Amino acid sequence: MTSIASKPGVLPLIGLPACVKEISASPFHTVQEKYLTAVRQAAQCAPLILPALGWQRDGENALGLALDPLLDVLDGVLLTGSPSNVEPHHYQGEAIAGIEHDAQRDATTLPLIRRAIERGIPVMAICRGIQELNVAMGGTLHQHVHEVPGRFDHRSRAPRDRPLEERYAPAHHVALNKDGWLAQRLGCTQIVVNSLHGQGIDRVAPGMVVEATAEDGTIEAVRLPSAPGFVLGLQWHPEYRAIDNPVSLSLFQAFGDAARERAARRRLNAAA
């Protein structure tokens, strides 16, 4: 039987792992609407929120999801930003007090990233997502970029109670690798991006290629050229009003195109 997700004319299905947040003393699995909107409008795909329940292994974690059966029906994975950060033990980092973590998200996204890449499923990683991508593939992070000598403070200059237009306003220039995929895709070697992150990539994961850097040397974009499918990590937030920003729109269109190719392959395999 052909699944709904594989029928011609049905939008490619993009999985977005949720964050776990406490609201009124109860845990909620959440994804900000701006990511869902960017997937639907800019990538022209269908978003599906994935609860941060981890994965079933050898009879363990009865609440966990079955990883491969889920990936069988996904055409892409979008890793979102979040106020939380990857727990440092995942990359042999030291615990620092006062940093927000989300162990359930880590338990869900890190295995998901590795398996999705192995299977050639398109992956787009934003903010916390690029950090998860780097850690999942063997890299490390700066837990406080603003404390690294010579680095700027990449956290938003606008407090959280200010309007989104202020928090997501253009903040600094980013230089694109002139020989990289981003520069070829966008037709330029410099763009201006927003900036709302406290952590960032330290040691780049093996095989990962740096596509863009900020003026202070902070890594702003990476790609995994050896992967069998589309893999792109971005430290800034292209999802904010993506449909109105030519750079953001182009990047989500590329992700959407990769997801459509994945969906077409799944239809062929189902028909064979």
Protein backbone atom coordinates (compact mmCIF):
# COMPACT_ATOMS: atom_id res chain seq x y z
CA MET A 1 0.00 0.00 0.00
CA THR A 2 1.33 3.46 -0.90
CA SER A 3 1.49 5.83 2.07
CA ILE A 4 -0.12 9.28 1.90
CA ALA A 5 3.32 10.91 2.20
CA SER A 6 4.56 9.16 -0.95
CA LYS A 7 1.59 9.90 -3.26
CA PRO A 8 2.28 12.23 -6.20
CA GLY A 9 1.14 15.78 -5.50
CA VAL A 10 1.55 15.48 -1.73
CA LEU A 11 4.06 17.87 -0.18
CA PRO A 12 7.40 16.44 1.03
CA LEU A 13 7.31 15.77 4.77
CA ILE A 14 9.85 17.56 7.00
CA GLY A 15 10.42 16.41 10.59
CA LEU A 16 11.15 19.08 13.21
CA PRO A 17 12.33 17.72 16.58
CA ALA A 18 10.65 19.51 19.48
CA CYS A 19 12.11 21.17 22.55
CA VAL A 20 10.83 20.22 25.99
CA LYS A 21 9.68 23.27 27.94
CA GLU A 22 7.98 23.54 31.30
CA ILE A 23 4.76 25.55 31.15
CA SER A 24 2.64 25.87 34.31
CA ALA A 25 4.68 23.09 35.94
CA SER A 26 3.99 20.65 33.07
CA PRO A 27 6.39 19.57 30.28
CA PHE A 28 5.37 20.57 26.76
CA HIS A 29 6.97 19.48 23.47
CA THR A 30 7.20 22.62 21.36
CA VAL A 31 8.41 24.07 18.05
CA GLN A 32 8.17 27.79 17.34
CA GLU A 33 5.69 28.63 14.61
CA LYS A 34 8.24 30.58 12.54
CA TYR A 35 10.00 27.30 11.65
CA LEU A 36 6.74 25.65 10.63
CA THR A 37 5.88 28.70 8.51
CA ALA A 38 9.29 28.71 6.82
CA VAL A 39 8.99 25.01 5.95
CA ARG A 40 5.50 25.47 4.56
CA GLN A 41 5.90 28.79 2.74
CA ALA A 42 9.59 29.07 1.82
CA ALA A 43 10.53 25.39 1.35
CA GLN A 44 6.99 24.50 0.18
CA CYS A 45 6.97 21.34 2.26
CA ALA A 46 4.76 19.96 5.04
CA PRO A 47 6.11 20.27 8.61
CA LEU A 48 5.72 17.46 11.15
CA ILE A 49 6.64 18.07 14.81
CA LEU A 50 8.61 15.17 16.33
CA PRO A 51 8.25 14.78 20.12
CA ALA A 52 11.53 14.68 22.02
CA LEU A 53 11.03 11.17 23.35
CA GLY A 54 14.34 9.65 22.28
CA TRP A 55 14.54 6.36 20.37
CA GLN A 56 13.68 2.76 21.13
CA ARG A 57 16.70 0.45 21.51
CA ASP A 58 16.63 -3.27 22.31
CA GLY A 59 13.36 -3.04 24.17
CA GLU A 60 14.44 0.04 26.16
CA ASN A 61 12.58 3.38 26.33
CA ALA A 62 9.01 2.26 25.83
CA LEU A 63 7.99 5.85 25.01
CA GLY A 64 10.73 6.27 22.43
CA LEU A 65 10.14 6.52 18.70
CA ALA A 66 11.30 3.88 16.22
CA LEU A 67 14.00 5.73 14.27
CA ASP A 68 14.18 4.00 10.89
CA PRO A 69 10.42 3.55 10.41
CA LEU A 70 10.04 7.28 11.02
CA LEU A 71 12.83 8.18 8.61
CA ASP A 72 11.18 5.91 6.02
CA VAL A 73 8.40 8.49 5.67
CA LEU A 74 10.38 11.72 6.14
CA ASP A 75 11.81 13.68 3.21
CA GLY A 76 13.91 16.01 5.34
CA VAL A 77 14.86 17.05 8.87
CA LEU A 78 14.94 20.65 10.11
CA LEU A 79 16.82 21.25 13.36
CA THR A 80 15.55 24.42 15.01
CA GLY A 81 17.05 26.98 17.32
CA SER A 82 16.24 26.98 21.03
CA PRO A 83 17.12 28.81 24.26
CA SER A 84 18.66 25.52 25.43
CA ASN A 85 22.12 24.24 24.54
CA VAL A 86 23.65 20.83 23.87
CA GLU A 87 24.83 19.26 27.11
CA PRO A 88 28.66 19.46 27.18
CA HIS A 89 29.21 15.81 28.09
CA HIS A 90 28.26 14.97 24.49
CA TYR A 91 31.51 16.59 23.30
CA GLN A 92 33.71 16.11 26.38
CA GLY A 93 33.12 19.69 27.52
CA GLU A 94 33.04 20.89 31.10
CA ALA A 95 29.73 21.66 32.80
CA ILE A 96 29.17 25.40 33.32
CA ALA A 97 26.56 26.66 35.76
CA GLY A 98 23.73 28.80 34.48
CA ILE A 99 23.45 27.33 30.96
CA GLU A 100 20.05 25.96 29.97
CA HIS A 101 19.99 22.39 28.64
CA ASP A 102 17.40 20.00 27.20
CA ALA A 103 18.51 16.40 27.70
CA GLN A 104 15.43 14.98 25.96
CA ARG A 105 16.08 17.00 22.84
CA ASP A 106 19.74 15.89 22.81
CA ALA A 107 18.65 12.25 23.15
CA THR A 108 16.36 12.73 20.16
CA THR A 109 18.35 14.91 17.78
CA LEU A 110 21.89 13.52 18.01
CA PRO A 111 21.00 9.95 16.91
CA LEU A 112 18.48 11.35 14.42
CA ILE A 113 21.13 13.52 12.75
CA ARG A 114 23.61 10.68 12.34
CA ARG A 115 21.06 8.24 10.94
CA ALA A 116 19.39 10.79 8.65
CA ILE A 117 22.77 11.68 7.14
CA GLU A 118 23.67 8.01 6.70
CA ARG A 119 20.45 7.50 4.77
CA GLY A 120 20.88 10.55 2.57
CA ILE A 121 17.91 12.41 4.03
CA PRO A 122 18.24 16.21 3.64
CA VAL A 123 19.18 18.01 6.86
CA MET A 124 18.99 21.76 7.50
CA ALA A 125 20.27 22.89 10.90
CA ILE A 126 19.65 26.34 12.41
CA CYS A 127 21.30 27.94 15.48
CA ARG A 128 21.15 25.19 18.15
CA GLY A 129 20.74 22.90 15.17
CA ILE A 130 24.17 23.70 13.69
CA GLN A 131 25.66 23.07 17.12
CA GLU A 132 23.85 19.71 17.35
CA LEU A 133 25.01 18.84 13.84
CA ASN A 134 28.63 19.59 14.69
CA VAL A 135 28.49 17.61 17.96
CA ALA A 136 26.67 14.66 16.37
CA MET A 137 29.42 14.37 13.77
CA GLY A 138 32.30 14.62 16.28
CA GLY A 139 32.96 18.34 16.76
CA THR A 140 32.99 20.56 19.85
CA LEU A 141 31.44 23.86 20.97
CA HIS A 142 32.32 27.13 22.66
CA GLN A 143 29.80 27.40 25.50
CA HIS A 144 30.24 31.18 25.79
CA VAL A 145 31.40 32.67 22.49
CA HIS A 146 31.51 36.15 24.02
CA GLU A 147 34.18 34.96 26.50
CA VAL A 148 36.52 33.68 23.77
CA PRO A 149 39.37 36.20 23.27
CA GLY A 150 38.81 38.31 20.18
CA ARG A 151 35.18 37.29 19.70
CA PHE A 152 32.15 39.54 19.69
CA ASP A 153 29.01 39.08 21.77
CA HIS A 154 26.70 37.26 19.34
CA ARG A 155 23.68 37.33 21.62
CA SER A 156 20.82 39.57 20.57
CA ARG A 157 21.35 43.19 21.51
CA ALA A 158 17.61 43.51 22.16
CA PRO A 159 16.13 42.04 25.38
CA ARG A 160 13.62 39.22 25.05
CA ASP A 161 10.76 41.53 25.92
CA ARG A 162 11.43 43.71 22.86
CA PRO A 163 9.54 43.24 19.56
CA LEU A 164 10.74 40.43 17.29
CA GLU A 165 11.68 42.97 14.61
CA GLU A 166 14.34 44.31 16.98
CA ARG A 167 15.58 40.92 18.19
CA TYR A 168 15.91 39.52 14.66
CA ALA A 169 17.26 42.70 13.08
CA PRO A 170 20.42 42.46 10.89
CA ALA A 171 23.41 42.41 13.25
CA HIS A 172 26.67 41.79 11.39
CA HIS A 173 28.31 40.78 8.12
CA VAL A 174 29.21 37.21 7.25
CA ALA A 175 31.90 36.31 4.71
CA LEU A 176 31.10 33.35 2.47
CA ASN A 177 33.79 30.96 1.27
CA LYS A 178 34.19 32.13 -2.33
CA ASP A 179 34.56 28.55 -3.53
CA GLY A 180 31.78 27.19 -1.34
CA TRP A 181 28.24 26.08 -2.00
CA LEU A 182 26.69 29.08 -0.26
CA ALA A 183 28.56 31.63 -2.37
CA GLN A 184 27.60 29.80 -5.55
CA ARG A 185 23.99 29.45 -4.45
CA LEU A 186 23.60 33.09 -3.43
CA GLY A 187 25.85 34.63 -6.07
CA CYS A 188 27.83 36.74 -3.59
CA THR A 189 30.63 36.48 -1.04
CA GLN A 190 29.12 38.53 1.80
CA ILE A 191 25.73 38.76 3.46
CA VAL A 192 24.26 40.44 6.56
CA VAL A 193 22.60 38.21 9.17
CA ASN A 194 20.82 38.42 12.50
CA SER A 195 22.55 37.07 15.62
CA LEU A 196 20.93 35.48 18.67
CA HIS A 197 23.32 32.80 19.92
CA GLY A 198 25.52 32.44 22.97
CA GLN A 199 27.26 29.23 21.90
CA GLY A 200 29.05 28.36 18.69
CA ILE A 201 31.29 25.87 16.94
CA ASP A 202 34.79 25.39 18.35
CA ARG A 203 36.43 22.37 16.68
CA VAL A 204 34.76 21.58 13.39
CA ALA A 205 33.62 17.97 13.03
CA PRO A 206 35.68 15.71 10.73
CA GLY A 207 34.58 16.08 7.12
CA MET A 208 32.65 19.26 7.80
CA VAL A 209 33.48 22.25 5.57
CA VAL A 210 33.18 25.84 6.78
CA GLU A 211 30.99 27.80 4.37
CA ALA A 212 30.85 31.15 6.17
CA THR A 213 32.42 33.07 9.05
CA ALA A 214 31.65 36.27 10.95
CA GLU A 215 34.14 39.13 11.09
CA ASP A 216 35.51 37.84 14.41
CA GLY A 217 36.09 34.33 13.05
CA THR A 218 32.97 32.74 14.51
CA ILE A 219 31.75 29.95 12.24
CA GLU A 220 28.39 30.87 10.74
CA ALA A 221 27.72 28.04 8.27
CA VAL A 222 28.95 24.52 7.58
CA ARG A 223 28.27 21.78 5.08
CA LEU A 224 29.07 18.06 4.91
CA PRO A 225 30.10 17.44 1.28
CA SER A 226 30.76 13.73 1.84
CA ALA A 227 27.14 13.12 2.87
CA PRO A 228 24.93 11.31 0.35
CA GLY A 229 22.29 14.02 0.77
CA PHE A 230 21.86 17.74 1.43
CA VAL A 231 23.39 18.80 4.78
CA LEU A 232 23.63 22.50 5.69
CA GLY A 233 24.11 24.18 9.07
CA LEU A 234 23.48 27.88 9.68
CA GLN A 235 24.25 29.75 12.90
CA TRP A 236 21.89 32.65 12.18
CA HIS A 237 18.09 32.52 11.88
CA PRO A 238 16.95 32.44 8.23
CA GLU A 239 13.52 31.15 9.26
CA TYR A 240 12.42 34.58 10.56
CA ARG A 241 10.21 36.04 7.82
CA ALA A 242 12.01 33.75 5.36
CA ILE A 243 9.57 34.43 2.57
CA ASP A 244 10.51 38.15 2.64
CA ASN A 245 14.30 37.71 2.69
CA PRO A 246 15.91 36.70 -0.65
CA VAL A 247 18.84 34.95 1.04
CA SER A 248 16.63 33.01 3.46
CA LEU A 249 14.15 32.15 0.73
CA SER A 250 16.90 30.79 -1.52
CA LEU A 251 18.26 28.58 1.26
CA PHE A 252 14.87 27.15 2.15
CA GLN A 253 14.11 26.59 -1.53
CA ALA A 254 17.33 24.57 -1.86
CA PHE A 255 16.32 22.50 1.17
CA GLY A 256 12.82 22.05 -0.27
CA ASP A 257 14.23 20.98 -3.64
CA ALA A 258 16.40 18.36 -1.91
CA ALA A 259 13.32 17.11 -0.01
CA ARG A 260 11.35 16.86 -3.27
CA GLU A 261 14.14 14.78 -4.80
CA ARG A 262 14.01 12.51 -1.75
CA ALA A 263 10.22 12.22 -2.07
CA ALA A 264 10.51 11.34 -5.76
CA ARG A 265 13.03 8.58 -4.97
CA ARG A 266 10.71 7.18 -2.32
CA ARG A 267 7.85 7.06 -4.85
CA LEU A 268 10.03 5.19 -7.32
CA ASN A 269 11.12 2.70 -4.67
CA ALA A 270 7.52 2.19 -3.55
CA ALA A 271 6.45 1.53 -7.14
CA ALA A 272 9.28 -0.89 -7.89
